[in-house]
Amino acid sequence: MVKSIILIILIGLAIGFSGCTGSKDVIPESKTMPEVGNSDSVKQPTPTIVQTLKRNPYDNQAPQAAIRSDCSNGLLKLQHQGGADLILSDVKIIIDQGKSNLTYEGSSINDKFIAGDTLIFTPPSNISLNGRTLNTGKITGEIYTHAGFITTMLYIPNGQQIAQMRCAVFP
């Protein structure tokens, strides 16, 4: 009987020293605990939050927007009538006059074309958004006064058409 009690005690001690107790208080070696009495505090990592402009959640669809064109007084005006906000760096605007054309591709994600905004194209190759000249982006070609326009807006990420407008000029 005494031998079995001693055997049980020895087995208990062996299990205790081997670490096979199944306790969840065990700290993995990769994490260290600060020493008791140490005045240094342990800094927790702070999460990094990155905010980006919202783009179209549907990669296979162009944004839907109502765009109206007006070509009077030698200007081409595109007015955003409602629908999706357009980030100009995602938009390519092609103005075709038959023998001449102008292509505009925005480059700043800060330039947005939203409901109520007006883009004005002034011959030969000036572009403004709500009265502010757009100096960013790529402009190729020229347009001329006293001619009609076919204006196409394309969504650059997938090449789909956002809008196409015809504007005729009568003498």
Protein backbone atom coordinates (compact mmCIF):
# COMPACT_ATOMS: atom_id res chain seq x y z
CA MET A 1 0.00 0.00 0.00
CA VAL A 2 2.79 2.43 0.88
CA LYS A 3 4.56 1.47 -2.33
CA SER A 4 1.49 2.34 -4.44
CA ILE A 5 1.09 5.75 -2.70
CA ILE A 6 4.77 6.55 -3.34
CA LEU A 7 4.35 5.42 -6.95
CA ILE A 8 1.30 7.68 -7.41
CA ILE A 9 3.19 10.65 -5.92
CA LEU A 10 6.20 10.03 -8.20
CA ILE A 11 3.98 9.80 -11.28
CA GLY A 12 2.23 13.04 -10.28
CA LEU A 13 5.58 14.80 -9.84
CA ALA A 14 6.85 13.47 -13.17
CA ILE A 15 3.74 14.76 -14.97
CA GLY A 16 3.99 18.14 -13.21
CA PHE A 17 7.66 18.67 -14.13
CA SER A 18 7.28 17.43 -17.69
CA GLY A 19 4.80 20.20 -18.61
CA CYS A 20 2.07 17.79 -19.67
CA THR A 21 -0.55 19.35 -17.46
CA GLY A 22 -2.63 20.81 -20.33
CA SER A 23 -2.70 24.22 -18.67
CA LYS A 24 -3.60 27.15 -20.92
CA ASP A 25 -1.54 29.56 -18.85
CA VAL A 26 1.69 28.50 -20.53
CA ILE A 27 3.34 31.39 -22.44
CA PRO A 28 4.92 30.47 -25.78
CA GLU A 29 8.61 31.21 -26.11
CA SER A 30 7.95 33.69 -28.95
CA LYS A 31 6.17 36.06 -26.57
CA THR A 32 8.00 37.44 -23.60
CA MET A 33 6.44 38.83 -20.49
CA PRO A 34 7.85 41.98 -18.91
CA GLU A 35 9.62 41.36 -15.65
CA VAL A 36 7.74 42.22 -12.48
CA GLY A 37 8.89 45.56 -11.19
CA ASN A 38 10.17 46.69 -14.60
CA SER A 39 8.87 50.20 -15.28
CA ASP A 40 8.96 49.80 -19.09
CA SER A 41 5.54 49.37 -20.61
CA VAL A 42 4.89 46.98 -23.45
CA LYS A 43 3.69 48.82 -26.57
CA GLN A 44 1.01 47.15 -28.60
CA PRO A 45 1.22 47.59 -32.39
CA THR A 46 -1.19 50.20 -33.71
CA PRO A 47 -3.26 49.24 -36.74
CA THR A 48 -2.59 51.12 -39.96
CA ILE A 49 -5.68 52.46 -41.64
CA VAL A 50 -5.44 53.27 -45.33
CA GLN A 51 -8.33 55.05 -47.00
CA THR A 52 -8.69 55.13 -50.74
CA LEU A 53 -11.30 56.65 -52.98
CA LYS A 54 -14.11 54.26 -53.68
CA ARG A 55 -14.01 52.83 -57.14
CA ASN A 56 -16.67 50.93 -58.97
CA PRO A 57 -17.29 47.70 -57.01
CA TYR A 58 -18.21 45.91 -60.24
CA ASP A 59 -14.97 45.35 -62.15
CA ASN A 60 -16.87 44.23 -65.22
CA GLN A 61 -19.19 47.25 -65.48
CA ALA A 62 -18.60 50.90 -66.26
CA PRO A 63 -20.08 53.40 -63.79
CA GLN A 64 -23.58 54.57 -64.70
CA ALA A 65 -23.90 58.36 -65.04
CA ALA A 66 -26.19 60.72 -66.93
CA ILE A 67 -24.07 63.16 -68.96
CA ARG A 68 -25.53 65.98 -71.07
CA SER A 69 -23.57 67.77 -73.80
CA ASP A 70 -24.00 71.30 -75.10
CA CYS A 71 -21.93 72.74 -77.94
CA SER A 72 -22.82 76.39 -78.20
CA ASN A 73 -20.71 79.55 -78.35
CA GLY A 74 -17.69 77.58 -79.60
CA LEU A 75 -17.47 75.48 -76.42
CA LEU A 76 -18.27 71.87 -75.62
CA LYS A 77 -19.85 71.53 -72.17
CA LEU A 78 -20.39 68.17 -70.50
CA GLN A 79 -22.75 68.37 -67.55
CA HIS A 80 -23.02 65.56 -64.99
CA GLN A 81 -26.77 65.17 -64.44
CA GLY A 82 -26.62 62.40 -61.82
CA GLY A 83 -25.53 58.85 -61.19
CA ALA A 84 -22.10 57.57 -60.23
CA ASP A 85 -19.25 59.91 -59.31
CA LEU A 86 -16.52 59.63 -61.93
CA ILE A 87 -12.87 59.73 -60.88
CA LEU A 88 -11.24 61.44 -63.86
CA SER A 89 -8.12 59.27 -63.67
CA ASP A 90 -10.42 56.35 -64.56
CA VAL A 91 -12.08 58.15 -67.49
CA LYS A 92 -10.98 58.68 -71.09
CA ILE A 93 -12.90 61.33 -73.06
CA ILE A 94 -12.72 61.24 -76.85
CA ILE A 95 -14.12 64.19 -78.81
CA ASP A 96 -14.43 63.39 -82.51
CA GLN A 97 -15.09 66.03 -85.18
CA GLY A 98 -14.41 63.84 -88.17
CA LYS A 99 -11.12 65.32 -89.43
CA SER A 100 -9.90 66.31 -85.97
CA ASN A 101 -10.27 64.91 -82.50
CA LEU A 102 -9.16 65.42 -78.93
CA THR A 103 -8.51 62.75 -76.31
CA TYR A 104 -8.30 63.51 -72.59
CA GLU A 105 -7.11 61.05 -69.95
CA GLY A 106 -7.06 62.37 -66.39
CA SER A 107 -4.24 61.44 -64.05
CA SER A 108 -5.25 62.82 -60.66
CA ILE A 109 -7.49 60.69 -58.45
CA ASN A 110 -8.44 63.93 -56.69
CA ASP A 111 -10.32 65.21 -59.75
CA LYS A 112 -13.86 63.88 -59.60
CA PHE A 113 -16.74 64.59 -61.97
CA ILE A 114 -19.89 64.42 -59.82
CA ALA A 115 -23.55 65.36 -60.17
CA GLY A 116 -23.89 69.10 -60.82
CA ASP A 117 -20.34 69.47 -62.22
CA THR A 118 -19.50 70.87 -65.66
CA LEU A 119 -16.49 69.98 -67.80
CA ILE A 120 -15.79 72.61 -70.47
CA PHE A 121 -13.61 71.95 -73.51
CA THR A 122 -12.43 75.17 -75.14
CA PRO A 123 -10.74 74.95 -78.56
CA PRO A 124 -8.10 74.03 -79.35
CA SER A 125 -7.23 71.95 -76.22
CA ASN A 126 -8.18 73.58 -72.92
CA ILE A 127 -10.23 71.73 -70.31
CA SER A 128 -11.78 73.04 -67.10
CA LEU A 129 -13.84 71.47 -64.32
CA ASN A 130 -16.27 73.92 -62.69
CA GLY A 131 -14.12 76.85 -63.85
CA ARG A 132 -10.80 75.35 -62.66
CA THR A 133 -8.34 74.55 -65.46
CA LEU A 134 -7.24 70.91 -65.38
CA ASN A 135 -3.47 70.87 -65.66
CA THR A 136 -3.11 67.17 -64.91
CA GLY A 137 -3.75 64.41 -67.36
CA LYS A 138 -2.88 63.76 -70.95
CA ILE A 139 -4.40 65.74 -73.82
CA THR A 140 -3.78 64.72 -77.39
CA GLY A 141 -5.20 66.41 -80.49
CA GLU A 142 -7.31 69.53 -80.91
CA ILE A 143 -10.91 70.52 -81.52
CA TYR A 144 -12.26 73.49 -83.46
CA THR A 145 -15.24 75.80 -83.22
CA HIS A 146 -18.21 75.77 -85.58
CA ALA A 147 -18.21 72.00 -85.93
CA GLY A 148 -20.29 69.24 -84.40
CA PHE A 149 -18.95 66.75 -81.88
CA ILE A 150 -19.34 63.08 -81.07
CA THR A 151 -18.12 62.71 -77.52
CA THR A 152 -17.43 59.30 -75.99
CA MET A 153 -16.57 58.68 -72.34
CA LEU A 154 -14.82 55.38 -71.59
CA TYR A 155 -14.10 53.70 -68.25
CA ILE A 156 -10.35 52.98 -68.44
CA PRO A 157 -10.16 49.94 -66.06
CA ASN A 158 -12.28 47.80 -68.39
CA GLY A 159 -12.64 49.90 -71.58
CA GLN A 160 -16.43 50.02 -71.40
CA GLN A 161 -18.42 53.03 -72.51
CA ILE A 162 -19.91 55.32 -69.87
CA ALA A 163 -21.68 57.66 -72.30
CA GLN A 164 -21.74 58.81 -75.92
CA MET A 165 -23.21 62.14 -76.99
CA ARG A 166 -23.73 63.89 -80.31
CA CYS A 167 -23.80 67.62 -80.53
CA ALA A 168 -24.61 69.38 -83.79
CA VAL A 169 -23.75 72.99 -84.61
CA PHE A 170 -26.06 74.82 -86.99
CA PRO A 171 -24.91 77.96 -88.84
